[in-house]
Amino acid sequence: MKVRYASTSLQEEEIDQLIDYMYTDIFPRYFSEDEVEYFRKMKVLHTPSRHHDYTGTLKDAFEILSSLQLIIALIEANEKQALGERYKKIFERNVQILQQYHLHFPFTLDQFERPKKYVISTYTPVTNELLV
């Protein structure tokens, strides 16, 4: 008999937060609002908890979390200076890990080289609010 440990609710929340960060902070810097909306329709990074192939084990959640965190770190580092082939391979490996869990992420690191200068999008978080 094999014992499997289920992922914790905190891990599931963290996965959801990282995916939300991709949509609110990363994607709007590189893609138009229409493209980001298209990504949503195409279920890019659709959360695994709603997908039947995701088993929900502790190991699965850890691999998804680690891959998302590393992809975000590489994108943000690539924004400052172009990363070499070694980092592109690491990026691709982590995209493959996400795809093993049926998380659709159809991007290469090259697509995240030049952020837009001005980001105005309904996906970006509000920087200040006026209470009336």
Protein backbone atom coordinates (compact mmCIF):
# COMPACT_ATOMS: atom_id res chain seq x y z
CA MET A 1 0.00 0.00 0.00
CA LYS A 2 1.29 3.44 -0.94
CA VAL A 3 0.52 6.55 1.11
CA ARG A 4 0.11 9.85 -0.73
CA TYR A 5 -0.06 13.22 0.95
CA ALA A 6 -2.57 15.69 -0.38
CA SER A 7 -1.56 19.24 -1.14
CA THR A 8 -2.47 21.79 1.50
CA SER A 9 -4.99 24.55 0.99
CA LEU A 10 -2.15 27.05 1.46
CA GLN A 11 -0.29 25.54 -1.47
CA GLU A 12 -3.41 25.70 -3.62
CA GLU A 13 -3.90 29.35 -2.62
CA GLU A 14 -0.28 30.14 -3.43
CA ILE A 15 -0.63 28.54 -6.86
CA ASP A 16 -3.74 30.65 -7.50
CA GLN A 17 -1.90 33.80 -6.32
CA LEU A 18 1.06 33.14 -8.62
CA ILE A 19 -1.26 32.60 -11.57
CA ASP A 20 -3.10 35.80 -10.68
CA TYR A 21 0.27 37.60 -10.49
CA MET A 22 1.06 36.41 -14.01
CA TYR A 23 -2.23 37.88 -15.27
CA THR A 24 -2.10 41.15 -13.33
CA ASP A 25 1.62 41.98 -13.29
CA ILE A 26 3.52 39.98 -15.90
CA PHE A 27 1.24 39.60 -18.92
CA PRO A 28 0.09 43.26 -19.07
CA ARG A 29 3.75 44.36 -19.28
CA TYR A 30 4.31 42.38 -22.47
CA PHE A 31 0.96 41.85 -24.15
CA SER A 32 -2.06 43.92 -25.11
CA GLU A 33 -5.27 43.72 -23.13
CA ASP A 34 -6.90 41.79 -25.97
CA GLU A 35 -4.09 39.25 -25.92
CA VAL A 36 -4.39 38.78 -22.16
CA GLU A 37 -8.13 38.26 -22.56
CA TYR A 38 -7.39 35.70 -25.28
CA PHE A 39 -5.02 33.90 -22.86
CA ARG A 40 -7.89 33.64 -20.38
CA LYS A 41 -10.20 32.21 -23.04
CA MET A 42 -7.50 29.74 -24.10
CA LYS A 43 -7.15 28.74 -20.42
CA VAL A 44 -3.49 29.66 -20.18
CA LEU A 45 -2.40 28.61 -16.68
CA HIS A 46 -5.87 27.32 -15.91
CA THR A 47 -5.74 26.24 -12.27
CA PRO A 48 -5.14 22.54 -11.81
CA SER A 49 -7.67 22.13 -9.01
CA ARG A 50 -10.37 22.48 -11.65
CA HIS A 51 -8.72 20.03 -14.02
CA HIS A 52 -9.39 16.29 -13.75
CA ASP A 53 -5.79 15.25 -14.49
CA TYR A 54 -4.33 17.06 -11.52
CA THR A 55 -3.94 14.57 -8.67
CA GLY A 56 -3.52 17.15 -5.93
CA THR A 57 -0.63 15.50 -4.13
CA LEU A 58 1.92 17.38 -2.08
CA LYS A 59 4.59 16.60 -4.68
CA ASP A 60 2.42 17.87 -7.55
CA ALA A 61 1.65 21.13 -5.78
CA PHE A 62 5.33 21.62 -4.89
CA GLU A 63 6.44 21.08 -8.50
CA ILE A 64 3.80 23.48 -9.84
CA LEU A 65 4.68 26.11 -7.23
CA SER A 66 8.41 25.81 -7.88
CA SER A 67 7.97 26.00 -11.64
CA LEU A 68 5.70 29.05 -11.46
CA GLN A 69 8.08 30.84 -9.07
CA LEU A 70 11.09 30.09 -11.26
CA ILE A 71 9.33 31.15 -14.46
CA ILE A 72 8.33 34.46 -12.84
CA ALA A 73 11.88 35.00 -11.52
CA LEU A 74 13.38 34.33 -14.96
CA ILE A 75 10.90 36.65 -16.70
CA GLU A 76 11.66 39.45 -14.23
CA ALA A 77 15.42 38.89 -14.52
CA ASN A 78 15.16 38.81 -18.32
CA GLU A 79 13.46 42.21 -18.17
CA LYS A 80 16.63 43.76 -16.74
CA GLN A 81 19.11 42.02 -19.05
CA ALA A 82 18.83 39.30 -21.67
CA LEU A 83 19.52 35.88 -20.20
CA GLY A 84 21.66 33.28 -21.90
CA GLU A 85 20.84 29.88 -23.36
CA ARG A 86 21.31 28.14 -20.01
CA TYR A 87 18.45 30.13 -18.51
CA LYS A 88 16.27 29.62 -21.57
CA LYS A 89 16.67 25.87 -21.11
CA ILE A 90 15.75 26.17 -17.43
CA PHE A 91 12.69 28.20 -18.44
CA GLU A 92 11.70 25.58 -21.04
CA ARG A 93 12.16 22.75 -18.52
CA ASN A 94 9.81 24.46 -16.08
CA VAL A 95 7.25 25.09 -18.81
CA GLN A 96 7.40 21.34 -19.53
CA ILE A 97 6.77 20.60 -15.86
CA LEU A 98 3.66 22.79 -15.93
CA GLN A 99 2.51 21.02 -19.09
CA GLN A 100 2.93 17.65 -17.37
CA TYR A 101 0.20 18.85 -15.01
CA HIS A 102 -1.86 20.12 -17.96
CA LEU A 103 -1.20 23.77 -17.20
CA HIS A 104 -1.10 25.43 -20.62
CA PHE A 105 1.78 27.95 -20.87
CA PRO A 106 2.58 28.50 -24.58
CA PHE A 107 5.40 31.03 -24.20
CA THR A 108 9.16 31.19 -24.61
CA LEU A 109 11.48 33.38 -22.60
CA ASP A 110 12.16 35.45 -25.74
CA GLN A 111 8.58 36.72 -25.64
CA PHE A 112 9.35 38.44 -22.34
CA GLU A 113 12.39 40.48 -23.40
CA ARG A 114 10.95 43.92 -23.98
CA PRO A 115 8.27 45.18 -21.62
CA LYS A 116 5.96 47.95 -22.73
CA LYS A 117 6.90 51.41 -21.45
CA TYR A 118 3.42 52.29 -20.25
CA VAL A 119 0.98 49.74 -18.97
CA ILE A 120 -2.67 50.68 -18.89
CA SER A 121 -4.86 47.65 -18.49
CA THR A 122 -7.91 46.48 -16.63
CA TYR A 123 -5.79 43.52 -15.51
CA THR A 124 -3.22 45.57 -13.61
CA PRO A 125 -3.87 46.28 -9.95
CA VAL A 126 -4.95 49.78 -8.97
CA THR A 127 -2.05 51.85 -7.63
CA ASN A 128 -4.24 54.35 -5.85
CA GLU A 129 -7.92 54.68 -5.12
CA LEU A 130 -10.09 57.66 -4.58
CA LEU A 131 -12.79 57.11 -2.00
CA VAL A 132 -15.86 59.18 -2.68
